[in-house]
Amino acid sequence: MAKQLAWAALAGLVLAAHPLYAEDRALVIGNENYSDGADIPGAREALNASIALRAAGFTVIDGRDLATPALRSRLSAQLRVLRPEDRLILLLAGHFAQSDGQTWFLGTDASAPDLANIDAAGISLATVMEIAARVPGGAVVLLGTENRRLPLATGLRQGIGPLVPPQGVAVVQGDARAVSGFASATLTARGASLASLLRGRSDLSATGFLPQTMPFRPAKGGADAAPVVAPPPVSTGQTVIERAAEDQAWAAARRTGTEASFRAYLDRYPSGRFAALARSEIARIQNDPQARAEAAEAALNLSRDQRRTIQRQLSLLGFDPRGIDGLFGRGSRTAILAWQRRTGYAETGYLDRDQIVSLTAQADRRAAELEREAAERKAEQDRQDRIYWRSTGAAGDEAGLRAYLKRFPDGLFAEVATERLSVYEEERRRQAAAQDRAAWDLANQNNTIASYRDYLARFPNGVFAAEAQGRVEALEAEANGGPDRERAKAAEEALGLNRLARRLIEVRLEDLGLNPGQVDGEFDDRTRRAIRRFQASRDQPPTGYLDQSAVVALLAGSILQFGD
């Protein structure tokens, strides 16, 4: 009897140190009242979410209207108790600030922070993501805010910037009320996957790990919802330590959730306490096409670069993955589904090896078609360019040169025409009267429509009148295209092209015979002209700025490869 009591005591210690089953945990922060910013009324709903989560069985750490030190304290308290087998909800509602790809959740004491002191005014979402990544496959980060006044100083902008969730972490964003309501009324459901819970929620956006079939909280009676069972008697031959090791092996198999992981458990424990459950899960996966598809893709163990290649190929074929980031979120899964629908594959949203080979072949063919079409368009454009040059600028007179540049401002002979026109201008300069020349220099210095019209009003027959009229027309055309150009410029900036990517693009433009100038990673006037030529050859608006589709078309030669 004493020996049995000793074993029971030892078992209690082991089970207390290593709980056998996942625990539902949540950190809920609602920052409504800011000392130096507009209130976020929806953030108070986070406290309702806290109550609902507790009622659903979550262990909750929460806080309302917390200054930065208190924020850090709550986050630290959550980190201390977190285990890899747990499930975790991190809900942050309030003001956010961002800068160059980084985002911070602000404490209520934040007062016009700048880039130099922002870390003292809030907590970085990179830190929040790192904590969530300690629960791979079981963490959801909920971010809620509202578009309200927030004083920020140099280097910061209001709101949540672009986020790249770590492997196995889901991120849901939206209005503070909508996010809190999702946590209260929806996320507590059992037996449902995150993807199904988010279906139809146009008021929320989600990225990261969003499995189609794996439930976020298993149904009652599932493997990790089972009651803790006392350790078997010593006579069974399994010690308390061995039992704890089996429990950990089962938790790892359940967390991964693939056929291979359940078979790995059975290989190690063919007669284990969870063997029947493992065989049941294997049968479910084998009889569920969606689960089989998800498992088949998981078995490929695709790298992030390989996922980027797949996203580029989908984009090349006209299926927009909503970003080339190597993360298969909702946009990528929707693009894969659309591609599968068009090509006759089962519509699962997950790829197997044969489908990737087929996708690669289709993308290669499409890339070749685009190259051929572009080459044909360029050849025809060059032919028209040369014909017009021979009939206008080739003669060398000023009228002919200007006529050529007006029709082909980025043409094959644009640089030659510009150089020859500079000779005419220099000659006129030598011949011009001092007053005329001074007025022209002033107009040229200001370089505005008004300055050139002022020159024309004073010297309607001046030696620079034709040039002034041409400048007026050019600036008016530029002004009319201003908003489109700014949008195109912003789209290129959003791509975040680094210097190496820009050099590769310049090399590609040079290979296509578009003369981008020096290959140095700097997009100067010659590079912009080459980009406009490239866009014109593909029947795209010749803005001179790149968007995602143009970059994909330029770098379409990337091929996803697998080893034997």
Protein backbone atom coordinates (compact mmCIF):
# COMPACT_ATOMS: atom_id res chain seq x y z
CA MET A 1 0.00 0.00 0.00
CA ALA A 2 2.82 2.37 0.90
CA LYS A 3 4.52 1.54 -2.40
CA GLN A 4 1.32 2.35 -4.33
CA LEU A 5 0.99 5.66 -2.50
CA ALA A 6 4.59 6.51 -3.36
CA TRP A 7 3.97 5.82 -7.03
CA ALA A 8 0.79 7.93 -6.92
CA ALA A 9 2.69 10.82 -5.38
CA LEU A 10 5.47 10.55 -7.98
CA ALA A 11 2.89 10.40 -10.77
CA GLY A 12 1.24 13.54 -9.45
CA LEU A 13 4.54 15.40 -9.52
CA VAL A 14 5.33 14.29 -13.06
CA LEU A 15 1.87 15.12 -14.35
CA ALA A 16 1.96 18.51 -12.66
CA ALA A 17 5.32 19.30 -14.29
CA HIS A 18 4.33 17.86 -17.69
CA PRO A 19 0.52 18.17 -18.26
CA LEU A 20 -0.62 15.54 -20.71
CA TYR A 21 -3.14 17.52 -22.71
CA ALA A 22 -3.38 20.86 -24.41
CA GLU A 23 -4.71 23.77 -22.39
CA ASP A 24 -6.68 26.62 -23.91
CA ARG A 25 -4.99 29.93 -23.05
CA ALA A 26 -5.71 33.53 -23.99
CA LEU A 27 -4.18 36.97 -23.54
CA VAL A 28 -6.80 39.72 -24.05
CA ILE A 29 -5.90 43.44 -24.01
CA GLY A 30 -8.47 46.18 -24.71
CA ASN A 31 -6.90 49.66 -24.81
CA GLU A 32 -9.77 52.09 -25.22
CA ASN A 33 -8.76 55.30 -23.44
CA TYR A 34 -5.50 56.88 -24.67
CA SER A 35 -3.95 59.87 -22.92
CA ASP A 36 -2.81 61.49 -26.19
CA GLY A 37 -5.03 60.03 -28.89
CA ALA A 38 -8.65 59.42 -29.83
CA ASP A 39 -10.40 56.64 -27.91
CA ILE A 40 -11.03 53.25 -29.52
CA PRO A 41 -14.61 52.50 -28.36
CA GLY A 42 -14.59 49.02 -29.92
CA ALA A 43 -11.67 47.99 -27.70
CA ARG A 44 -13.96 47.75 -24.68
CA GLU A 45 -15.59 44.75 -26.41
CA ALA A 46 -12.34 42.85 -25.80
CA LEU A 47 -13.37 42.50 -22.16
CA ASN A 48 -16.59 40.78 -23.30
CA ALA A 49 -14.37 38.40 -25.27
CA SER A 50 -12.38 37.76 -22.10
CA ILE A 51 -15.56 36.73 -20.24
CA ALA A 52 -16.72 34.50 -23.11
CA LEU A 53 -13.32 32.79 -23.37
CA ARG A 54 -13.28 32.04 -19.65
CA ALA A 55 -16.78 30.59 -19.91
CA ALA A 56 -15.57 28.37 -22.75
CA GLY A 57 -12.77 26.95 -20.60
CA PHE A 58 -9.84 29.20 -21.51
CA THR A 59 -7.30 30.31 -18.93
CA VAL A 60 -7.28 34.06 -19.55
CA ILE A 61 -4.81 36.82 -18.74
CA ASP A 62 -6.43 40.16 -19.54
CA GLY A 63 -6.19 43.90 -19.03
CA ARG A 64 -7.94 47.13 -19.94
CA ASP A 65 -6.36 50.52 -20.74
CA LEU A 66 -2.82 49.30 -20.00
CA ALA A 67 0.29 51.49 -20.18
CA THR A 68 3.36 49.98 -21.83
CA PRO A 69 4.96 48.51 -18.65
CA ALA A 70 1.71 46.72 -17.81
CA LEU A 71 1.45 45.44 -21.38
CA ARG A 72 4.90 43.90 -21.10
CA SER A 73 4.04 42.39 -17.72
CA ARG A 74 0.90 40.66 -19.08
CA LEU A 75 2.79 39.34 -22.11
CA SER A 76 5.58 38.03 -19.90
CA ALA A 77 3.06 36.30 -17.63
CA GLN A 78 1.57 34.53 -20.65
CA LEU A 79 4.99 33.49 -21.91
CA ARG A 80 5.95 31.93 -18.56
CA VAL A 81 3.07 29.43 -18.56
CA LEU A 82 2.93 28.67 -22.30
CA ARG A 83 3.71 25.14 -23.56
CA PRO A 84 4.09 23.89 -27.17
CA GLU A 85 1.04 21.60 -26.87
CA ASP A 86 -1.31 24.42 -25.75
CA ARG A 87 -3.73 26.44 -27.85
CA LEU A 88 -3.32 30.20 -27.65
CA ILE A 89 -5.39 33.29 -28.52
CA LEU A 90 -3.63 36.67 -28.39
CA LEU A 91 -6.17 39.51 -28.76
CA LEU A 92 -4.88 43.10 -28.95
CA ALA A 93 -7.40 45.91 -29.49
CA GLY A 94 -6.37 49.56 -29.58
CA HIS A 95 -4.01 51.90 -31.46
CA PHE A 96 -1.16 50.59 -33.64
CA ALA A 97 1.78 52.40 -35.26
CA GLN A 98 3.96 51.19 -38.15
CA SER A 99 7.21 51.99 -39.96
CA ASP A 100 8.95 50.21 -42.83
CA GLY A 101 7.42 46.76 -42.29
CA GLN A 102 7.36 46.92 -38.46
CA THR A 103 4.27 47.42 -36.29
CA TRP A 104 3.80 48.22 -32.58
CA PHE A 105 0.74 47.88 -30.33
CA LEU A 106 0.67 51.06 -28.25
CA GLY A 107 0.17 51.44 -24.52
CA THR A 108 -2.34 54.04 -23.37
CA ASP A 109 0.56 56.20 -22.16
CA ALA A 110 1.95 56.66 -25.72
CA SER A 111 2.43 60.39 -26.40
CA ALA A 112 3.36 61.31 -29.98
CA PRO A 113 6.12 58.67 -30.18
CA ASP A 114 8.72 58.77 -32.94
CA LEU A 115 10.84 56.07 -34.55
CA ALA A 116 13.59 56.54 -31.95
CA ASN A 117 11.45 55.89 -28.86
CA ILE A 118 8.58 53.74 -30.17
CA ASP A 119 9.86 50.65 -28.33
CA ALA A 120 9.21 52.47 -25.05
CA ALA A 121 5.66 53.34 -26.15
CA GLY A 122 4.37 49.88 -26.99
CA ILE A 123 5.20 46.27 -27.80
CA SER A 124 6.47 45.12 -31.18
CA LEU A 125 4.23 42.72 -33.10
CA ALA A 126 7.41 40.88 -34.07
CA THR A 127 7.73 39.96 -30.39
CA VAL A 128 4.06 38.96 -30.22
CA MET A 129 4.53 36.75 -33.31
CA GLU A 130 7.62 35.13 -31.81
CA ILE A 131 5.66 34.21 -28.69
CA ALA A 132 2.77 32.85 -30.77
CA ALA A 133 5.25 30.74 -32.76
CA ARG A 134 6.01 28.79 -29.57
CA VAL A 135 2.62 27.12 -30.12
CA PRO A 136 2.95 26.04 -33.78
CA GLY A 137 -0.38 25.09 -35.31
CA GLY A 138 -2.30 26.24 -32.23
CA ALA A 139 -1.93 30.03 -32.10
CA VAL A 140 -4.24 32.79 -33.37
CA VAL A 141 -3.26 36.46 -33.14
CA LEU A 142 -6.26 38.84 -33.28
CA LEU A 143 -5.58 42.52 -34.01
CA GLY A 144 -8.39 45.07 -33.75
CA THR A 145 -8.28 48.83 -34.29
CA GLU A 146 -10.26 51.79 -35.67
CA ASN A 147 -9.37 54.65 -38.00
CA ARG A 148 -9.13 57.41 -35.37
CA ARG A 149 -6.73 60.25 -34.66
CA LEU A 150 -3.36 59.23 -33.22
CA PRO A 151 -0.55 61.82 -32.93
CA LEU A 152 2.70 60.32 -34.21
CA ALA A 153 6.09 61.94 -34.74
CA THR A 154 8.87 61.44 -37.29
CA GLY A 155 9.15 58.05 -38.96
CA LEU A 156 5.81 56.53 -37.92
CA ARG A 157 2.40 56.04 -39.53
CA GLN A 158 -0.90 55.01 -38.01
CA GLY A 159 -2.29 51.48 -38.38
CA ILE A 160 -1.06 47.94 -38.87
CA GLY A 161 1.65 47.38 -41.47
CA PRO A 162 2.19 44.26 -43.60
CA LEU A 163 2.68 41.16 -41.46
CA VAL A 164 4.43 37.87 -42.22
CA PRO A 165 3.13 35.35 -39.66
CA PRO A 166 5.61 32.67 -38.50
CA GLN A 167 5.08 29.06 -39.52
CA GLY A 168 1.97 27.66 -37.85
CA VAL A 169 0.53 31.01 -36.69
CA ALA A 170 -2.72 32.59 -37.92
CA VAL A 171 -3.31 36.36 -37.86
CA VAL A 172 -6.82 37.88 -38.05
CA GLN A 173 -7.31 41.64 -38.45
CA GLY A 174 -10.31 43.95 -38.54
CA ASP A 175 -12.35 46.51 -36.69
CA ALA A 176 -11.90 46.19 -32.92
CA ARG A 177 -15.56 45.24 -32.39
CA ALA A 178 -15.55 42.66 -35.19
CA VAL A 179 -12.34 41.03 -33.94
CA SER A 180 -13.58 40.90 -30.34
CA GLY A 181 -16.94 39.51 -31.46
CA PHE A 182 -15.17 36.80 -33.48
CA ALA A 183 -13.21 35.78 -30.37
CA SER A 184 -16.37 35.78 -28.20
CA ALA A 185 -18.93 34.04 -30.38
CA THR A 186 -17.00 32.08 -33.01
CA LEU A 187 -13.45 31.15 -32.07
CA THR A 188 -14.57 29.19 -29.00
CA ALA A 189 -16.42 26.63 -31.17
CA ARG A 190 -15.20 23.04 -31.03
CA GLY A 191 -14.52 20.75 -33.96
CA ALA A 192 -14.22 23.55 -36.56
CA SER A 193 -11.15 24.68 -38.51
CA LEU A 194 -10.04 28.30 -38.59
CA ALA A 195 -10.71 28.41 -42.33
CA SER A 196 -14.35 27.36 -41.82
CA LEU A 197 -14.83 29.79 -38.92
CA LEU A 198 -13.62 32.67 -41.10
CA ARG A 199 -15.65 31.71 -44.15
CA GLY A 200 -17.95 34.54 -45.21
CA ARG A 201 -16.41 37.07 -42.81
CA SER A 202 -15.79 39.95 -45.22
CA ASP A 203 -15.23 42.22 -42.20
CA LEU A 204 -12.09 40.30 -41.24
CA SER A 205 -8.85 39.53 -43.08
CA ALA A 206 -6.70 36.54 -42.23
CA THR A 207 -3.22 35.35 -43.14
CA GLY A 208 -0.85 32.61 -42.06
CA PHE A 209 -1.71 29.07 -40.95
CA LEU A 210 -5.37 28.48 -41.89
CA PRO A 211 -5.92 24.70 -42.28
CA GLN A 212 -9.11 23.66 -44.03
CA THR A 213 -9.88 20.57 -41.95
CA MET A 214 -7.84 20.55 -38.73
CA PRO A 215 -10.01 21.98 -35.91
CA PHE A 216 -8.60 24.79 -33.80
CA ARG A 217 -10.35 23.33 -30.74
CA PRO A 218 -11.04 19.59 -31.13
CA ALA A 219 -14.53 18.35 -30.38
CA LYS A 220 -15.18 17.16 -26.85
CA GLY A 221 -13.94 13.64 -26.47
CA GLY A 222 -11.02 14.27 -28.85
CA ALA A 223 -7.53 13.16 -28.02
CA ASP A 224 -6.45 16.31 -26.28
CA ALA A 225 -9.78 16.82 -24.54
CA ALA A 226 -9.65 13.47 -22.76
CA PRO A 227 -9.50 13.48 -18.97
CA VAL A 228 -6.14 12.90 -17.31
CA VAL A 229 -5.86 9.21 -16.45
CA ALA A 230 -3.89 7.92 -13.47
CA PRO A 231 -0.65 6.11 -14.39
CA PRO A 232 -0.91 2.33 -14.76
CA PRO A 233 0.36 0.09 -11.96
CA VAL A 234 4.04 -0.74 -12.00
CA SER A 235 3.14 -4.33 -12.83
CA THR A 236 2.31 -3.28 -16.43
CA GLY A 237 6.00 -2.68 -17.02
CA GLN A 238 5.58 1.06 -17.88
CA THR A 239 7.13 3.52 -15.45
CA VAL A 240 5.73 6.97 -14.82
CA ILE A 241 8.59 8.48 -16.86
CA GLU A 242 7.88 6.11 -19.77
CA ARG A 243 4.20 6.99 -19.58
CA ALA A 244 5.00 10.71 -19.73
CA ALA A 245 7.23 10.08 -22.78
CA GLU A 246 4.36 8.31 -24.56
CA ASP A 247 2.04 11.18 -23.72
CA GLN A 248 4.48 13.65 -25.25
CA ALA A 249 4.84 11.49 -28.39
CA TRP A 250 1.05 11.43 -28.79
CA ALA A 251 0.81 15.20 -28.25
CA ALA A 252 3.41 15.72 -31.01
CA ALA A 253 1.53 13.39 -33.39
CA ARG A 254 -1.77 15.12 -32.70
CA ARG A 255 -0.25 18.59 -33.13
CA THR A 256 1.20 17.70 -36.58
CA GLY A 257 -2.01 15.90 -37.52
CA THR A 258 -0.68 14.04 -40.59
CA GLU A 259 -0.90 10.37 -41.46
CA ALA A 260 2.88 10.13 -41.18
CA SER A 261 2.89 11.60 -37.66
CA PHE A 262 0.24 9.13 -36.43
CA ARG A 263 2.13 6.22 -38.04
CA ALA A 264 5.31 7.41 -36.33
CA TYR A 265 3.49 7.19 -32.98
CA LEU A 266 2.25 3.65 -33.82
CA ASP A 267 5.73 2.55 -34.89
CA ARG A 268 6.98 3.52 -31.45
CA TYR A 269 3.91 2.45 -29.45
CA PRO A 270 2.02 -0.20 -31.49
CA SER A 271 -0.01 -1.16 -28.39
CA GLY A 272 0.03 2.25 -26.76
CA ARG A 273 -2.86 3.85 -24.90
CA PHE A 274 -3.60 6.08 -27.94
CA ALA A 275 -3.08 3.39 -30.60
CA ALA A 276 -6.80 3.07 -31.35
CA LEU A 277 -7.12 6.84 -31.71
CA ALA A 278 -4.06 6.96 -33.98
CA ARG A 279 -5.53 4.27 -36.25
CA SER A 280 -8.85 6.10 -36.28
CA GLU A 281 -7.12 9.35 -37.36
CA ILE A 282 -5.21 7.50 -40.10
CA ALA A 283 -8.49 6.03 -41.40
CA ARG A 284 -10.13 9.47 -41.32
CA ILE A 285 -7.28 11.00 -43.32
CA GLN A 286 -7.31 8.15 -45.86
CA ASN A 287 -11.09 8.47 -46.33
CA ASP A 288 -11.13 12.28 -46.48
CA PRO A 289 -9.95 13.68 -49.86
CA GLN A 290 -9.35 17.11 -48.33
CA ALA A 291 -7.27 15.67 -45.50
CA ARG A 292 -5.32 13.51 -47.96
CA ALA A 293 -4.58 16.52 -50.12
CA GLU A 294 -3.42 18.57 -47.14
CA ALA A 295 -1.23 15.71 -45.95
CA ALA A 296 0.23 15.19 -49.45
CA GLU A 297 1.32 18.81 -49.67
CA ALA A 298 2.69 18.75 -46.12
CA ALA A 299 4.77 15.67 -47.02
CA LEU A 300 6.52 17.66 -49.78
CA ASN A 301 7.96 19.94 -47.07
CA LEU A 302 8.03 22.87 -49.50
CA SER A 303 10.58 25.56 -48.69
CA ARG A 304 9.57 29.19 -48.65
CA ASP A 305 11.46 29.78 -51.93
CA GLN A 306 9.57 26.90 -53.57
CA ARG A 307 6.28 28.39 -52.38
CA ARG A 308 7.30 31.75 -53.86
CA THR A 309 7.97 30.02 -57.18
CA ILE A 310 4.51 28.43 -57.09
CA GLN A 311 2.95 31.83 -56.36
CA ARG A 312 4.84 33.39 -59.31
CA GLN A 313 3.68 30.57 -61.58
CA LEU A 314 0.05 30.99 -60.49
CA SER A 315 0.30 34.74 -61.10
CA LEU A 316 1.84 34.14 -64.52
CA LEU A 317 -1.16 31.94 -65.41
CA GLY A 318 -3.62 34.62 -64.30
CA PHE A 319 -4.44 33.35 -60.79
CA ASP A 320 -3.59 36.10 -58.30
CA PRO A 321 -2.17 34.67 -55.01
CA ARG A 322 -2.34 38.13 -53.34
CA GLY A 323 1.40 38.40 -52.88
CA ILE A 324 4.65 36.60 -53.69
CA ASP A 325 5.74 35.99 -50.10
CA GLY A 326 6.21 32.23 -49.78
CA LEU A 327 3.25 31.98 -47.36
CA PHE A 328 0.21 30.00 -48.47
CA GLY A 329 -2.62 32.05 -46.96
CA ARG A 330 -6.18 32.55 -48.16
CA GLY A 331 -5.11 34.29 -51.39
CA SER A 332 -2.76 31.46 -52.41
CA ARG A 333 -5.29 28.75 -51.53
CA THR A 334 -7.98 30.53 -53.57
CA ALA A 335 -5.60 30.81 -56.52
CA ILE A 336 -4.71 27.10 -56.27
CA LEU A 337 -8.42 26.18 -56.14
CA ALA A 338 -9.12 28.26 -59.26
CA TRP A 339 -6.18 26.67 -61.09
CA GLN A 340 -7.33 23.17 -60.09
CA ARG A 341 -10.85 23.97 -61.30
CA ARG A 342 -9.59 25.10 -64.70
CA THR A 343 -7.24 22.16 -65.17
CA GLY A 344 -9.63 19.44 -64.00
CA TYR A 345 -7.94 18.48 -60.74
CA ALA A 346 -9.86 17.83 -57.53
CA GLU A 347 -10.55 21.25 -55.96
CA THR A 348 -8.77 20.96 -52.60
CA GLY A 349 -6.61 24.09 -52.47
CA TYR A 350 -3.56 21.89 -51.79
CA LEU A 351 -0.94 20.69 -54.27
CA ASP A 352 0.74 17.32 -54.71
CA ARG A 353 3.95 16.57 -56.62
CA ASP A 354 2.20 15.76 -59.93
CA GLN A 355 0.15 18.95 -59.79
CA ILE A 356 3.26 21.05 -59.14
CA VAL A 357 4.98 19.45 -62.12
CA SER A 358 1.91 20.24 -64.25
CA LEU A 359 1.75 23.81 -62.91
CA THR A 360 5.43 24.32 -63.69
CA ALA A 361 4.99 23.03 -67.26
CA GLN A 362 1.99 25.31 -67.83
CA ALA A 363 3.84 28.32 -66.42
CA ASP A 364 6.87 27.58 -68.61
CA ARG A 365 4.66 27.41 -71.70
CA ARG A 366 2.92 30.63 -70.75
CA ALA A 367 6.24 32.36 -70.14
CA ALA A 368 7.41 31.25 -73.60
CA GLU A 369 4.15 32.51 -75.12
CA LEU A 370 4.57 35.88 -73.43
CA GLU A 371 8.14 36.13 -74.69
CA ARG A 372 7.07 35.27 -78.21
CA GLU A 373 4.13 37.71 -78.15
CA ALA A 374 6.34 40.44 -76.73
CA ALA A 375 9.02 39.81 -79.33
CA GLU A 376 6.43 40.02 -82.11
CA ARG A 377 4.96 43.26 -80.75
CA LYS A 378 8.41 44.75 -80.28
CA ALA A 379 9.45 43.78 -83.81
CA GLU A 380 6.35 45.47 -85.23
CA GLN A 381 6.83 48.55 -83.05
CA ASP A 382 10.48 48.77 -84.10
CA ARG A 383 9.46 48.46 -87.76
CA GLN A 384 6.96 51.33 -87.42
CA ASP A 385 9.57 53.30 -85.46
CA ARG A 386 12.20 52.98 -88.22
CA ILE A 387 9.71 53.85 -90.97
CA TYR A 388 8.65 57.03 -89.17
CA TRP A 389 12.26 57.95 -88.39
CA ARG A 390 13.20 57.72 -92.05
CA SER A 391 10.32 60.03 -92.97
CA THR A 392 10.93 62.58 -90.19
CA GLY A 393 13.99 62.74 -87.95
CA ALA A 394 16.48 61.05 -90.27
CA ALA A 395 16.65 64.18 -92.41
CA GLY A 396 18.01 66.06 -89.39
CA ASP A 397 15.75 69.14 -89.57
CA GLU A 398 14.24 70.43 -86.35
CA ALA A 399 10.59 69.94 -87.37
CA GLY A 400 11.24 66.33 -88.34
CA LEU A 401 13.10 65.61 -85.10
CA ARG A 402 10.30 67.08 -83.01
CA ALA A 403 7.66 65.20 -84.98
CA TYR A 404 9.53 61.94 -84.34
CA LEU A 405 9.87 62.58 -80.58
CA LYS A 406 6.22 63.50 -80.29
CA ARG A 407 5.14 60.13 -81.69
CA PHE A 408 7.99 58.01 -80.29
CA PRO A 409 9.22 59.70 -77.09
CA ASP A 410 10.89 56.43 -76.05
CA GLY A 411 11.67 55.25 -79.58
CA LEU A 412 14.79 53.62 -80.97
CA PHE A 413 16.16 56.98 -82.10
CA ALA A 414 14.87 59.12 -79.20
CA GLU A 415 18.33 59.72 -77.77
CA VAL A 416 19.77 60.60 -81.20
CA ALA A 417 16.87 62.99 -81.85
CA THR A 418 17.31 64.64 -78.46
CA GLU A 419 21.04 65.14 -79.03
CA ARG A 420 20.45 66.67 -82.49
CA LEU A 421 17.77 69.00 -81.12
CA SER A 422 20.23 70.19 -78.47
CA VAL A 423 22.46 71.42 -81.31
CA TYR A 424 19.61 73.55 -82.66
CA GLU A 425 18.94 74.99 -79.23
CA GLU A 426 22.59 75.81 -78.69
CA GLU A 427 22.73 77.52 -82.07
CA ARG A 428 19.65 79.59 -81.24
CA ARG A 429 21.17 80.50 -77.93
CA ARG A 430 24.17 81.98 -79.68
CA GLN A 431 21.90 83.93 -82.00
CA ALA A 432 19.35 85.06 -79.42
CA ALA A 433 19.22 88.53 -78.04
CA ALA A 434 20.28 88.89 -74.44
CA GLN A 435 16.78 89.74 -73.23
CA ASP A 436 15.18 86.82 -75.08
CA ARG A 437 17.85 84.46 -73.81
CA ALA A 438 17.45 85.66 -70.20
CA ALA A 439 13.68 85.14 -70.35
CA TRP A 440 14.17 81.65 -71.75
CA ASP A 441 16.72 80.75 -69.09
CA LEU A 442 14.27 81.86 -66.38
CA ALA A 443 11.41 79.84 -67.90
CA ASN A 444 13.69 76.83 -68.28
CA GLN A 445 14.86 77.17 -64.68
CA ASN A 446 11.31 77.19 -63.29
CA ASN A 447 10.25 74.46 -65.75
CA THR A 448 6.49 74.96 -65.27
CA ILE A 449 3.60 75.40 -67.67
CA ALA A 450 3.12 78.93 -66.33
CA SER A 451 6.78 79.91 -66.85
CA TYR A 452 6.81 78.73 -70.47
CA ARG A 453 3.50 80.45 -71.22
CA ASP A 454 4.90 83.64 -69.69
CA TYR A 455 7.86 83.38 -72.04
CA LEU A 456 5.54 82.85 -75.03
CA ALA A 457 3.42 85.85 -74.03
CA ARG A 458 6.52 88.07 -73.94
CA PHE A 459 8.25 86.56 -77.00
CA PRO A 460 5.61 84.92 -79.24
CA ASN A 461 8.17 84.86 -82.06
CA GLY A 462 11.20 84.31 -79.84
CA VAL A 463 13.96 81.96 -80.88
CA PHE A 464 12.83 79.51 -78.21
CA ALA A 465 9.09 79.77 -78.96
CA ALA A 466 8.84 76.34 -80.59
CA GLU A 467 10.76 74.75 -77.74
CA ALA A 468 8.55 76.53 -75.15
CA GLN A 469 5.38 75.33 -76.86
CA GLY A 470 6.74 71.79 -76.89
CA ARG A 471 7.53 71.98 -73.17
CA VAL A 472 4.00 73.24 -72.43
CA GLU A 473 2.48 70.30 -74.31
CA ALA A 474 4.77 67.80 -72.58
CA LEU A 475 4.04 69.14 -69.09
CA GLU A 476 0.29 69.20 -69.76
CA ALA A 477 0.42 65.58 -70.88
CA GLU A 478 2.40 64.72 -67.77
CA ALA A 479 -0.08 66.55 -65.54
CA ASN A 480 -3.01 64.72 -67.11
CA GLY A 481 -1.34 61.41 -66.34
CA GLY A 482 -0.22 62.49 -62.87
CA PRO A 483 -2.62 60.43 -60.69
CA ASP A 484 -2.03 57.26 -62.74
CA ARG A 485 1.72 57.78 -62.54
CA GLU A 486 1.60 58.30 -58.78
CA ARG A 487 -0.47 55.14 -58.37
CA ALA A 488 2.00 53.21 -60.53
CA LYS A 489 4.91 54.62 -58.52
CA ALA A 490 3.26 53.64 -55.24
CA ALA A 491 2.58 50.12 -56.57
CA GLU A 492 6.28 49.70 -57.40
CA GLU A 493 7.37 51.02 -54.01
CA ALA A 494 5.03 48.51 -52.33
CA LEU A 495 6.96 45.67 -53.98
CA GLY A 496 10.00 46.55 -51.83
CA LEU A 497 12.51 45.70 -54.58
CA ASN A 498 16.02 45.56 -53.17
CA ARG A 499 19.16 46.54 -55.09
CA LEU A 500 19.85 42.98 -56.23
CA ALA A 501 16.32 42.61 -57.61
CA ARG A 502 16.65 45.91 -59.47
CA ARG A 503 19.97 44.79 -60.99
CA LEU A 504 18.36 41.53 -62.16
CA ILE A 505 15.54 43.54 -63.75
CA GLU A 506 18.07 45.81 -65.51
CA VAL A 507 19.98 42.76 -66.80
CA ARG A 508 16.70 41.32 -68.10
CA LEU A 509 15.78 44.59 -69.83
CA GLU A 510 19.24 44.69 -71.39
CA ASP A 511 18.86 41.06 -72.59
CA LEU A 512 15.61 42.10 -74.28
CA GLY A 513 17.45 44.86 -76.15
CA LEU A 514 15.63 47.66 -74.34
CA ASN A 515 18.80 49.59 -73.37
CA PRO A 516 18.20 50.35 -69.65
CA GLY A 517 21.57 52.07 -69.25
CA GLN A 518 24.12 51.10 -66.63
CA VAL A 519 23.28 47.94 -64.64
CA ASP A 520 23.70 49.37 -61.14
CA GLY A 521 20.39 48.79 -59.32
CA GLU A 522 19.39 52.45 -59.78
CA PHE A 523 16.31 53.14 -61.92
CA ASP A 524 17.29 56.34 -63.76
CA ASP A 525 15.59 57.98 -66.77
CA ARG A 526 17.04 55.42 -69.19
CA THR A 527 15.79 52.56 -67.03
CA ARG A 528 12.31 54.09 -66.86
CA ARG A 529 12.33 54.46 -70.64
CA ALA A 530 13.31 50.79 -71.00
CA ILE A 531 10.50 49.78 -68.64
CA ARG A 532 8.00 51.80 -70.71
CA ARG A 533 9.23 50.03 -73.85
CA PHE A 534 8.84 46.70 -72.10
CA GLN A 535 5.29 47.56 -70.96
CA ALA A 536 4.33 48.76 -74.43
CA SER A 537 5.60 45.48 -75.93
CA ARG A 538 3.21 43.62 -73.59
CA ASP A 539 0.27 45.90 -74.29
CA GLN A 540 0.41 47.37 -70.75
CA PRO A 541 0.08 51.06 -69.81
CA PRO A 542 3.60 52.51 -70.33
CA THR A 543 3.97 54.12 -66.89
CA GLY A 544 7.67 53.37 -66.47
CA TYR A 545 6.96 51.82 -63.05
CA LEU A 546 6.71 48.10 -62.31
CA ASP A 547 3.87 46.21 -60.71
CA GLN A 548 3.74 42.61 -59.57
CA SER A 549 2.59 41.25 -62.95
CA ALA A 550 5.40 43.08 -64.78
CA VAL A 551 8.04 41.73 -62.38
CA VAL A 552 6.63 38.21 -62.75
CA ALA A 553 6.73 38.57 -66.57
CA LEU A 554 10.31 39.89 -66.47
CA LEU A 555 11.57 37.15 -64.16
CA ALA A 556 9.38 34.38 -65.56
CA GLY A 557 12.34 32.07 -66.02
CA SER A 558 12.38 30.89 -62.38
CA ILE A 559 11.56 27.16 -62.26
CA LEU A 560 10.57 25.11 -59.20
CA GLN A 561 12.70 21.98 -59.02
CA PHE A 562 12.55 18.87 -56.87
CA GLY A 563 15.23 16.32 -56.20
CA ASP A 564 14.84 12.75 -57.38
